[in-house]
N, C-alpha and C. Protein backbone atom coordinates (compact mmCIF):
# COMPACT_ATOMS: atom_id res chain seq x y z
N UNK A 1 78.70 119.47 100.18
CA UNK A 1 79.63 118.95 99.36
C UNK A 1 79.00 117.96 98.17
N UNK A 2 80.23 118.08 97.15
CA UNK A 2 79.98 117.63 96.12
C UNK A 2 79.82 115.90 96.05
N UNK A 3 79.15 115.14 95.67
CA UNK A 3 79.01 113.61 95.55
C UNK A 3 80.93 113.44 94.91
N UNK A 4 81.21 112.27 95.92
CA UNK A 4 82.76 111.52 95.79
C UNK A 4 82.27 110.16 95.38
N UNK A 5 82.97 109.95 94.01
CA UNK A 5 82.93 108.60 94.08
C UNK A 5 84.25 107.92 93.55
N UNK A 6 84.77 107.09 94.80
CA UNK A 6 86.39 107.17 94.83
C UNK A 6 86.42 105.61 94.64
N UNK A 7 87.23 105.28 93.16
CA UNK A 7 87.73 103.94 93.01
C UNK A 7 89.03 103.47 93.47
N UNK A 8 89.03 102.28 94.39
CA UNK A 8 90.46 101.76 94.85
C UNK A 8 90.65 100.45 93.72
N UNK A 9 91.91 100.62 93.07
CA UNK A 9 92.26 99.71 92.03
C UNK A 9 93.77 99.31 92.46
N UNK A 10 93.96 97.93 91.53
CA UNK A 10 95.31 97.92 91.77
C UNK A 10 95.61 96.21 91.23
N UNK A 11 96.27 95.38 91.29
CA UNK A 11 96.75 94.23 90.52
C UNK A 11 96.05 93.25 91.49
N UNK A 12 95.72 91.88 91.17
CA UNK A 12 95.65 91.08 91.87
C UNK A 12 96.42 90.82 93.16
N UNK A 13 95.58 90.87 94.47
CA UNK A 13 96.38 90.52 95.63
C UNK A 13 97.05 91.75 96.21
N UNK A 14 96.84 92.84 95.96
CA UNK A 14 97.28 93.94 96.66
C UNK A 14 96.69 94.87 98.13
N UNK A 15 95.69 93.75 98.37
CA UNK A 15 94.63 94.34 99.65
C UNK A 15 93.49 95.49 99.24
N UNK A 16 93.28 95.37 98.28
CA UNK A 16 91.96 96.48 97.81
C UNK A 16 90.74 96.03 98.62
N UNK A 17 90.30 94.45 98.70
CA UNK A 17 89.00 93.99 99.53
C UNK A 17 89.18 94.09 100.84
N UNK A 18 90.79 94.11 101.20
CA UNK A 18 90.59 93.97 102.91
C UNK A 18 90.71 95.79 103.42
N UNK A 19 90.85 96.56 102.48
CA UNK A 19 90.52 97.96 102.52
C UNK A 19 88.95 98.62 102.51
N UNK A 20 88.88 97.76 101.23
CA UNK A 20 87.61 98.23 101.29
C UNK A 20 86.18 97.30 102.68
N UNK A 21 87.31 96.10 103.47
CA UNK A 21 86.21 96.16 104.20
C UNK A 21 86.71 96.75 105.77
N UNK A 22 87.83 97.41 105.56
CA UNK A 22 88.09 98.03 106.52
C UNK A 22 87.45 99.27 106.31
N UNK A 23 87.27 100.20 105.79
CA UNK A 23 86.44 101.30 105.48
C UNK A 23 85.14 101.02 105.91
N UNK A 24 84.30 99.74 105.50
CA UNK A 24 83.32 99.52 105.86
C UNK A 24 82.91 99.63 107.44
N UNK A 25 83.77 98.60 108.20
CA UNK A 25 83.79 98.73 109.54
C UNK A 25 84.19 100.08 110.28
N UNK A 26 84.55 101.04 109.46
CA UNK A 26 84.82 102.47 109.66
C UNK A 26 83.60 103.09 109.39
N UNK A 27 82.39 102.70 108.74
CA UNK A 27 81.26 103.59 108.97
C UNK A 27 81.00 104.10 107.31
N UNK A 28 82.00 103.55 106.40
CA UNK A 28 82.03 104.06 105.04
C UNK A 28 81.15 103.60 104.26
N UNK A 29 80.36 103.94 103.24
CA UNK A 29 80.32 103.26 102.21
C UNK A 29 80.72 102.99 101.24
N UNK A 30 80.57 101.45 101.13
CA UNK A 30 81.54 100.77 99.85
C UNK A 30 81.06 99.81 99.62
N UNK A 31 81.26 100.10 97.74
CA UNK A 31 80.75 98.72 96.75
C UNK A 31 81.64 97.76 96.59
N UNK A 32 81.47 96.51 96.88
CA UNK A 32 82.56 95.11 96.81
C UNK A 32 83.18 94.99 95.56
N UNK A 33 84.13 94.30 95.28
CA UNK A 33 84.02 93.75 93.86
C UNK A 33 83.37 92.98 93.08
N UNK A 34 83.00 92.96 91.78
CA UNK A 34 81.56 91.96 91.58
C UNK A 34 82.54 90.75 90.72
N UNK A 35 83.60 91.07 90.52
CA UNK A 35 83.90 89.72 89.67
C UNK A 35 83.98 88.35 90.39
N UNK A 36 83.78 87.80 91.33
CA UNK A 36 83.89 87.07 92.16
C UNK A 36 82.42 86.21 91.79
N UNK A 37 81.60 87.24 92.21
CA UNK A 37 80.22 87.21 91.70
C UNK A 37 79.68 86.59 90.40
N UNK A 38 80.46 87.31 89.52
CA UNK A 38 80.38 86.68 88.31
C UNK A 38 81.01 85.34 88.26
N UNK A 39 82.14 85.14 88.59
CA UNK A 39 82.81 84.06 88.67
C UNK A 39 81.87 82.93 89.04
N UNK A 40 81.34 82.88 90.34
CA UNK A 40 80.78 82.25 91.40
C UNK A 40 79.38 81.73 90.21
N UNK A 41 78.78 82.66 90.00
CA UNK A 41 77.79 82.44 88.67
C UNK A 41 78.00 81.41 87.72
N UNK A 42 79.07 81.81 87.33
CA UNK A 42 79.50 81.16 86.16
C UNK A 42 79.51 79.42 86.26
N UNK A 43 80.47 79.36 87.33
CA UNK A 43 80.51 77.74 87.86
C UNK A 43 79.08 77.36 88.12
N UNK A 44 77.94 78.03 88.88
CA UNK A 44 76.78 77.28 88.97
C UNK A 44 76.46 76.92 87.49
N UNK A 45 76.84 77.40 86.35
CA UNK A 45 76.18 76.98 85.18
C UNK A 45 77.03 75.91 84.34
N UNK A 46 77.96 75.83 85.28
CA UNK A 46 79.26 74.86 84.70
C UNK A 46 80.46 75.18 83.76
N UNK A 47 80.77 76.55 84.10
CA UNK A 47 82.05 77.31 83.44
C UNK A 47 82.70 77.57 84.36
N UNK A 48 83.93 76.74 84.67
CA UNK A 48 84.99 76.81 85.56
C UNK A 48 85.93 78.07 85.43
N UNK A 49 86.38 78.38 84.32
CA UNK A 49 86.90 79.89 84.26
C UNK A 49 86.52 80.94 83.68
N UNK A 50 85.33 81.45 83.92
CA UNK A 50 84.54 82.21 82.68
C UNK A 50 85.71 83.20 81.83
N UNK A 51 86.25 84.03 82.87
CA UNK A 51 87.20 85.11 82.51
C UNK A 51 88.06 84.05 81.48
N UNK A 52 88.70 83.06 81.62
CA UNK A 52 89.58 82.32 80.49
C UNK A 52 89.22 81.42 79.52
N UNK A 53 87.46 81.35 79.80
CA UNK A 53 86.83 80.15 78.81
C UNK A 53 86.30 81.21 77.76
N UNK A 54 85.71 82.38 78.33
CA UNK A 54 84.80 83.65 77.62
C UNK A 54 85.32 84.89 77.94
N UNK A 55 86.28 85.49 77.98
CA UNK A 55 86.84 86.46 78.11
C UNK A 55 85.69 87.90 77.46
N UNK A 56 85.24 87.81 76.80
CA UNK A 56 84.50 88.89 76.24
C UNK A 56 83.16 88.94 77.02
N UNK A 57 82.62 88.04 77.34
CA UNK A 57 81.29 87.72 78.08
C UNK A 57 81.48 88.07 79.24
N UNK A 58 82.49 87.39 79.84
CA UNK A 58 82.94 87.74 81.62
C UNK A 58 83.02 89.37 81.42
N UNK A 59 84.21 89.91 80.65
CA UNK A 59 83.96 91.66 80.51
C UNK A 59 82.68 92.28 80.38
N UNK A 60 81.86 91.80 79.64
CA UNK A 60 80.42 92.35 79.29
C UNK A 60 79.52 92.31 80.65
N UNK A 61 79.69 91.01 81.29
CA UNK A 61 78.98 90.85 82.36
C UNK A 61 79.22 92.07 83.68
N UNK A 62 80.56 92.28 83.50
CA UNK A 62 81.74 93.00 84.79
C UNK A 62 81.29 94.33 84.45
N UNK A 63 81.17 94.60 82.86
CA UNK A 63 80.89 96.25 82.33
C UNK A 63 79.47 96.40 83.16
N UNK A 64 78.86 95.91 82.81
CA UNK A 64 77.04 95.85 83.14
C UNK A 64 77.41 96.72 84.47
N UNK A 65 78.19 95.02 85.15
CA UNK A 65 77.79 95.22 86.92
C UNK A 65 78.29 96.67 87.50
N UNK A 66 79.61 96.87 86.94
CA UNK A 66 80.22 97.90 87.28
C UNK A 66 79.55 99.65 86.80
N UNK A 67 78.86 99.27 85.79
CA UNK A 67 77.74 100.67 85.54
C UNK A 67 76.58 100.65 86.38
N UNK A 68 75.93 99.54 86.61
CA UNK A 68 75.25 99.62 88.09
C UNK A 68 75.49 99.92 89.37
N UNK A 69 76.93 99.57 89.38
CA UNK A 69 77.63 100.02 90.97
C UNK A 69 77.62 101.65 90.54
N UNK A 70 78.04 102.23 89.69
CA UNK A 70 78.39 103.65 89.46
C UNK A 70 77.10 104.64 89.44
N UNK A 71 75.71 103.91 89.18
CA UNK A 71 74.80 104.41 88.70
C UNK A 71 74.17 104.57 90.51
N UNK A 72 74.28 103.19 90.92
CA UNK A 72 74.20 103.09 92.71
C UNK A 72 74.44 104.17 93.62
N UNK A 73 76.23 104.41 93.14
CA UNK A 73 76.72 105.32 93.94
C UNK A 73 76.45 106.36 93.86
N UNK A 74 76.04 107.26 92.70
CA UNK A 74 75.34 108.51 91.98
C UNK A 74 73.81 109.12 93.03
N UNK A 75 73.21 107.61 93.35
CA UNK A 75 72.08 107.76 93.95
C UNK A 75 72.01 107.60 95.39
N UNK A 76 73.35 107.34 95.57
CA UNK A 76 73.33 107.33 97.35
C UNK A 76 73.20 108.29 98.05
N UNK A 77 72.71 108.40 99.30
CA UNK A 77 72.87 109.28 100.17
C UNK A 77 73.85 110.10 100.72
N UNK A 78 74.62 108.71 100.68
CA UNK A 78 76.34 109.07 101.25
C UNK A 78 76.94 110.38 100.42
N UNK A 79 77.98 111.37 100.73
CA UNK A 79 78.67 112.00 100.17
C UNK A 79 79.97 111.30 99.31
N UNK A 80 79.98 110.28 99.93
CA UNK A 80 81.21 109.69 99.59
C UNK A 80 81.31 108.09 99.31
N UNK A 81 81.47 107.46 98.20
CA UNK A 81 80.95 106.28 98.21
C UNK A 81 82.41 105.78 97.37
N UNK A 82 83.08 104.54 98.05
CA UNK A 82 84.18 103.83 97.84
C UNK A 82 83.78 102.57 96.78
N UNK A 83 84.34 102.33 95.91
CA UNK A 83 84.05 101.13 95.04
C UNK A 83 85.47 100.41 94.53
N UNK A 84 85.44 99.32 95.32
CA UNK A 84 86.60 98.34 94.57
C UNK A 84 86.85 97.99 93.07
N UNK A 85 87.42 98.68 92.12
CA UNK A 85 87.67 98.51 91.00
C UNK A 85 86.48 99.37 89.80
N UNK A 86 87.26 99.82 88.81
CA UNK A 86 86.33 100.40 88.37
C UNK A 86 86.07 100.22 87.03
N UNK A 87 85.49 100.79 86.22
CA UNK A 87 84.88 100.35 84.61
C UNK A 87 86.41 100.31 83.74
N UNK A 88 87.17 101.35 84.21
CA UNK A 88 88.27 100.80 83.08
C UNK A 88 89.46 99.79 83.58
N UNK A 89 89.17 99.35 84.52
CA UNK A 89 89.30 98.04 85.37
C UNK A 89 89.17 96.90 83.87
N UNK A 90 87.79 96.73 83.39
CA UNK A 90 87.74 96.35 82.46
C UNK A 90 88.22 96.13 81.30
N UNK A 91 88.44 96.95 80.56
CA UNK A 91 89.55 97.42 79.41
C UNK A 91 91.11 96.99 80.00
N UNK A 92 91.45 97.51 80.97
CA UNK A 92 92.93 96.75 81.28
C UNK A 92 93.26 95.33 81.20
N UNK A 93 92.12 94.73 81.59
CA UNK A 93 92.53 93.31 81.79
C UNK A 93 91.92 92.83 80.26
N UNK A 94 91.32 93.29 79.55
CA UNK A 94 91.06 93.10 77.98
C UNK A 94 92.28 93.10 77.29
N UNK A 95 93.03 94.16 77.69
CA UNK A 95 94.53 95.12 77.13
C UNK A 95 95.43 93.89 77.44
N UNK A 96 95.45 93.42 78.97
CA UNK A 96 96.32 92.16 79.72
C UNK A 96 96.15 90.95 78.54
N UNK A 97 94.81 90.71 78.65
CA UNK A 97 94.76 89.18 77.86
C UNK A 97 94.95 89.37 76.07
N UNK A 98 95.23 90.85 75.44
CA UNK A 98 95.40 91.13 74.23
C UNK A 98 94.03 90.87 73.66
N UNK A 99 92.99 90.48 74.04
CA UNK A 99 91.81 90.79 73.32
C UNK A 99 90.98 92.00 73.00
N UNK A 100 90.23 91.78 71.58
CA UNK A 100 89.94 93.35 71.58
C UNK A 100 88.13 93.20 72.37
N UNK A 101 87.36 94.61 71.79
CA UNK A 101 86.47 94.92 72.58
C UNK A 101 85.42 95.77 71.82
N UNK A 102 84.08 95.75 72.02
CA UNK A 102 83.20 96.85 71.30
C UNK A 102 83.25 98.06 71.83
N UNK A 103 83.32 98.85 71.09
CA UNK A 103 83.11 100.41 71.27
C UNK A 103 82.83 101.15 72.35
N UNK A 104 81.56 100.14 72.69
CA UNK A 104 80.91 100.54 74.20
C UNK A 104 81.56 100.16 75.20
N UNK A 105 82.18 99.57 75.09
CA UNK A 105 83.70 99.60 76.50
C UNK A 105 84.01 100.91 76.76
N UNK A 106 84.66 101.48 75.77
CA UNK A 106 85.43 102.61 75.79
C UNK A 106 84.47 103.82 76.48
N UNK A 107 83.03 103.65 75.23
CA UNK A 107 82.18 104.86 75.69
C UNK A 107 81.82 104.71 77.20
N UNK A 108 81.72 103.35 77.85
CA UNK A 108 81.48 103.73 79.19
C UNK A 108 82.21 104.28 79.81
N UNK A 109 83.61 104.07 80.00
CA UNK A 109 84.58 104.69 80.32
C UNK A 109 84.61 106.22 80.24
N UNK A 110 84.16 106.87 79.36
CA UNK A 110 84.28 108.17 79.36
C UNK A 110 82.71 108.88 80.03
N UNK A 111 81.98 107.59 79.53
CA UNK A 111 80.58 108.21 80.56
C UNK A 111 80.45 108.42 81.92
N UNK A 112 81.04 107.36 82.16
CA UNK A 112 81.27 107.21 83.83
C UNK A 112 82.54 107.46 84.61
N UNK A 113 82.63 108.96 84.95
CA UNK A 113 83.92 109.36 85.71
C UNK A 113 83.79 109.17 87.22
N UNK A 114 84.87 109.09 87.82
CA UNK A 114 85.13 108.85 89.32
C UNK A 114 85.84 109.83 89.62
N UNK A 115 85.56 110.64 90.97
CA UNK A 115 86.26 111.59 91.42
C UNK A 115 88.05 111.12 92.00
N UNK A 116 88.32 109.87 92.15
CA UNK A 116 89.35 109.98 92.86
C UNK A 116 89.54 108.62 92.28
N UNK A 117 90.74 108.40 91.42
CA UNK A 117 91.31 106.85 91.78
C UNK A 117 92.87 106.62 92.64
N UNK A 118 92.53 105.91 93.69
CA UNK A 118 94.10 105.09 94.53
C UNK A 118 94.38 103.95 94.00
N UNK A 119 95.17 103.49 93.73
CA UNK A 119 95.99 102.80 93.40
C UNK A 119 97.07 101.53 94.48
N UNK A 120 96.99 100.74 95.06
CA UNK A 120 97.89 99.89 95.39
C UNK A 120 98.90 99.11 94.15
N UNK A 121 99.95 99.32 94.65
CA UNK A 121 101.15 99.00 94.05
C UNK A 121 101.40 97.62 93.94
N UNK A 122 102.04 96.67 92.95
CA UNK A 122 101.78 94.70 93.70
C UNK A 122 103.02 95.02 94.85
N UNK A 123 102.50 93.61 96.03
CA UNK A 123 103.32 93.75 97.19
C UNK A 123 103.20 92.44 97.35
N UNK A 124 104.51 91.66 96.76
CA UNK A 124 104.93 90.30 97.21
C UNK A 124 104.43 89.84 98.29
N UNK A 125 104.79 90.37 99.46
CA UNK A 125 104.85 89.83 100.81
C UNK A 125 102.82 89.48 101.58
N UNK A 126 102.58 90.20 100.77
CA UNK A 126 100.87 89.89 100.86
C UNK A 126 100.32 88.86 99.85
N UNK A 127 101.06 88.92 98.87
CA UNK A 127 100.60 88.18 97.59
C UNK A 127 99.55 86.92 97.86
N UNK A 128 98.82 86.11 97.68
CA UNK A 128 98.00 84.69 97.73
C UNK A 128 97.52 85.12 96.83
N UNK A 129 97.18 83.36 96.03
CA UNK A 129 96.35 82.98 94.87
C UNK A 129 95.68 82.20 95.28
N UNK A 130 94.39 82.06 95.02
CA UNK A 130 93.22 81.60 95.17
C UNK A 130 92.38 80.64 94.19
N UNK A 131 91.06 80.65 94.53
CA UNK A 131 90.48 79.85 93.49
C UNK A 131 89.83 80.84 92.14
N UNK A 132 89.46 82.22 92.78
CA UNK A 132 89.14 83.06 91.94
C UNK A 132 90.46 83.91 91.38
N UNK A 133 91.59 83.67 91.83
CA UNK A 133 92.97 84.43 91.35
C UNK A 133 94.00 83.58 91.04
N UNK A 134 94.07 83.66 89.88
CA UNK A 134 94.80 82.35 89.01
C UNK A 134 96.19 83.16 88.62
N UNK A 135 95.98 84.06 88.78
CA UNK A 135 97.51 85.05 88.47
C UNK A 135 98.65 84.68 89.19
N UNK A 136 99.79 84.56 88.73
CA UNK A 136 101.21 84.80 89.47
C UNK A 136 101.54 86.02 90.07
N UNK A 137 102.41 86.02 91.11
CA UNK A 137 102.87 87.76 90.82
C UNK A 137 103.09 88.24 90.04
N UNK A 138 103.97 87.59 89.00
CA UNK A 138 104.67 88.44 87.66
C UNK A 138 103.30 88.81 86.91
N UNK A 139 102.04 88.02 86.72
CA UNK A 139 101.22 88.27 85.97
C UNK A 139 100.56 89.41 86.71
N UNK A 140 100.54 89.58 88.05
CA UNK A 140 99.83 90.64 88.82
C UNK A 140 100.70 92.01 88.48
N UNK A 141 101.71 91.82 88.44
CA UNK A 141 102.77 93.12 88.14
C UNK A 141 102.22 93.57 86.89
N UNK A 142 102.16 92.59 85.83
CA UNK A 142 102.09 92.83 84.53
C UNK A 142 100.39 93.65 84.31
N UNK A 143 99.40 92.79 85.34
CA UNK A 143 97.78 93.67 85.34
C UNK A 143 98.56 95.09 85.88
N UNK A 144 98.90 94.92 86.55
CA UNK A 144 98.97 96.82 87.18
C UNK A 144 99.65 97.71 86.58
N UNK A 145 100.44 97.18 85.29
CA UNK A 145 100.86 98.32 84.61
C UNK A 145 99.85 98.30 83.65
N UNK A 146 98.93 97.94 83.16
CA UNK A 146 97.54 97.82 82.35
C UNK A 146 96.79 99.06 83.09
N UNK A 147 96.67 98.59 84.43
CA UNK A 147 95.79 99.41 84.88
C UNK A 147 96.19 101.05 84.98
N UNK A 148 97.55 100.88 85.08
CA UNK A 148 98.12 102.31 85.26
C UNK A 148 98.05 102.98 84.12
N UNK A 149 98.13 102.48 82.85
CA UNK A 149 98.18 102.68 81.30
C UNK A 149 96.44 102.90 80.75
N UNK A 150 95.83 102.22 80.91
CA UNK A 150 94.91 102.15 81.03
C UNK A 150 93.76 103.56 81.64
N UNK A 151 93.83 103.45 83.28
CA UNK A 151 93.43 104.76 83.67
C UNK A 151 94.15 105.99 83.87
N UNK A 152 95.43 106.15 82.85
CA UNK A 152 96.06 107.44 82.54
C UNK A 152 95.54 107.87 81.27
N UNK A 153 95.01 106.89 80.17
CA UNK A 153 94.48 107.43 79.36
C UNK A 153 93.40 107.64 79.11
N UNK A 154 92.61 107.55 80.13
CA UNK A 154 91.29 108.53 80.31
C UNK A 154 91.42 109.25 80.97
N UNK A 155 92.39 109.70 81.49
CA UNK A 155 92.67 111.40 82.30
C UNK A 155 92.84 111.39 83.46
N UNK A 156 92.84 109.97 84.60
CA UNK A 156 93.26 109.72 85.56
C UNK A 156 94.40 110.04 86.46
N UNK A 157 94.38 111.13 87.39
CA UNK A 157 95.50 111.00 88.00
C UNK A 157 95.18 109.99 89.29
N UNK A 158 96.21 109.19 89.18
CA UNK A 158 96.46 107.97 90.12
C UNK A 158 97.34 108.63 91.42
N UNK A 159 96.31 108.14 92.88
CA UNK A 159 97.08 108.25 93.96
C UNK A 159 97.52 106.70 94.37
N UNK A 160 98.69 106.93 94.49
CA UNK A 160 99.54 105.36 94.91
C UNK A 160 99.40 105.39 96.48
N UNK A 161 99.07 104.19 97.00
CA UNK A 161 98.65 104.02 98.23
C UNK A 161 100.03 103.14 99.11
N UNK A 162 100.63 104.26 99.84
CA UNK A 162 101.80 103.30 100.45
C UNK A 162 101.45 101.67 100.77
N UNK A 163 102.34 100.87 100.53
CA UNK A 163 102.73 99.77 101.46
C UNK A 163 102.78 99.97 102.70
N UNK A 164 101.65 99.12 104.10
CA UNK A 164 101.75 99.69 105.03
C UNK A 164 100.47 99.16 105.90
N UNK A 165 100.31 98.59 107.09
CA UNK A 165 99.25 98.51 108.05
C UNK A 165 97.70 98.87 106.90
N UNK A 166 96.68 97.91 107.07
CA UNK A 166 95.83 98.44 106.63
C UNK A 166 94.95 99.64 106.96
N UNK A 167 95.07 100.05 108.61
CA UNK A 167 94.50 101.16 109.29
C UNK A 167 95.61 102.43 108.47
N UNK A 168 96.51 101.91 108.14
CA UNK A 168 97.41 103.46 107.95
C UNK A 168 97.29 103.55 106.43
N UNK A 169 97.04 102.42 105.86
CA UNK A 169 96.64 102.51 104.04
C UNK A 169 95.16 103.58 103.86
N UNK A 170 94.40 102.70 105.19
CA UNK A 170 93.08 103.57 104.80
C UNK A 170 93.30 105.40 105.52
N UNK A 171 93.89 105.33 106.37
CA UNK A 171 93.95 107.17 107.17
C UNK A 171 94.42 107.64 105.91
N UNK A 172 95.57 106.98 105.12
CA UNK A 172 96.25 107.90 103.88
C UNK A 172 94.95 108.35 102.50
N UNK A 173 94.78 107.34 102.63
CA UNK A 173 93.02 107.44 101.75
C UNK A 173 91.94 108.61 102.11
N UNK A 174 91.75 108.50 103.48
CA UNK A 174 91.06 109.36 104.08
C UNK A 174 91.34 110.66 103.96
N UNK A 175 93.02 111.06 104.36
CA UNK A 175 93.42 112.17 104.38
C UNK A 175 93.32 112.60 102.78
N UNK A 176 93.92 112.00 101.87
CA UNK A 176 93.86 112.65 100.85
C UNK A 176 92.74 112.99 100.11
N UNK A 177 91.58 112.43 100.61
CA UNK A 177 89.73 112.76 100.26
C UNK A 177 89.58 114.18 100.27
N UNK A 178 90.42 114.50 101.86
CA UNK A 178 90.02 115.81 102.65
C UNK A 178 90.87 116.64 102.27
N UNK A 179 91.53 116.31 101.65
CA UNK A 179 92.67 117.59 100.78
C UNK A 179 91.96 118.27 100.10
């Protein structure tokens, strides 16, 4: 079996972390979202919202972290590795805020390709804001549209995960992978 690096994407508050945690509890190899780590590290250095105050620096740190996750995933002994957000997410968020970025961002998306992309649609009933998620639901829907456009621009076919229980969403993902 060939190595599969599978990314779970979606706007804020769509259930990505819950699904990753559920996959971990079922024994799957998963890599968590790293943006909260980057944000917490910046807060330790006195920057309250790095993404808002220095979006390019935040995005560069995310890009490096996600490239490292990709490399680690390729080196894993597991045949399937799930990752919470991929490299093109960085570009989608830069598009969302209307900021430019260096060509190295685009190059990273072209050099690191994923096996499958599962996308979680906006779901108002489960959406919750918190310290690291400052967007409102309308902004979350806009981010979703930027994610769709960005990933499709890199040639990915997005597999939409239906709104359902965590267990049913995980079953859907695992069924799609086995096909």
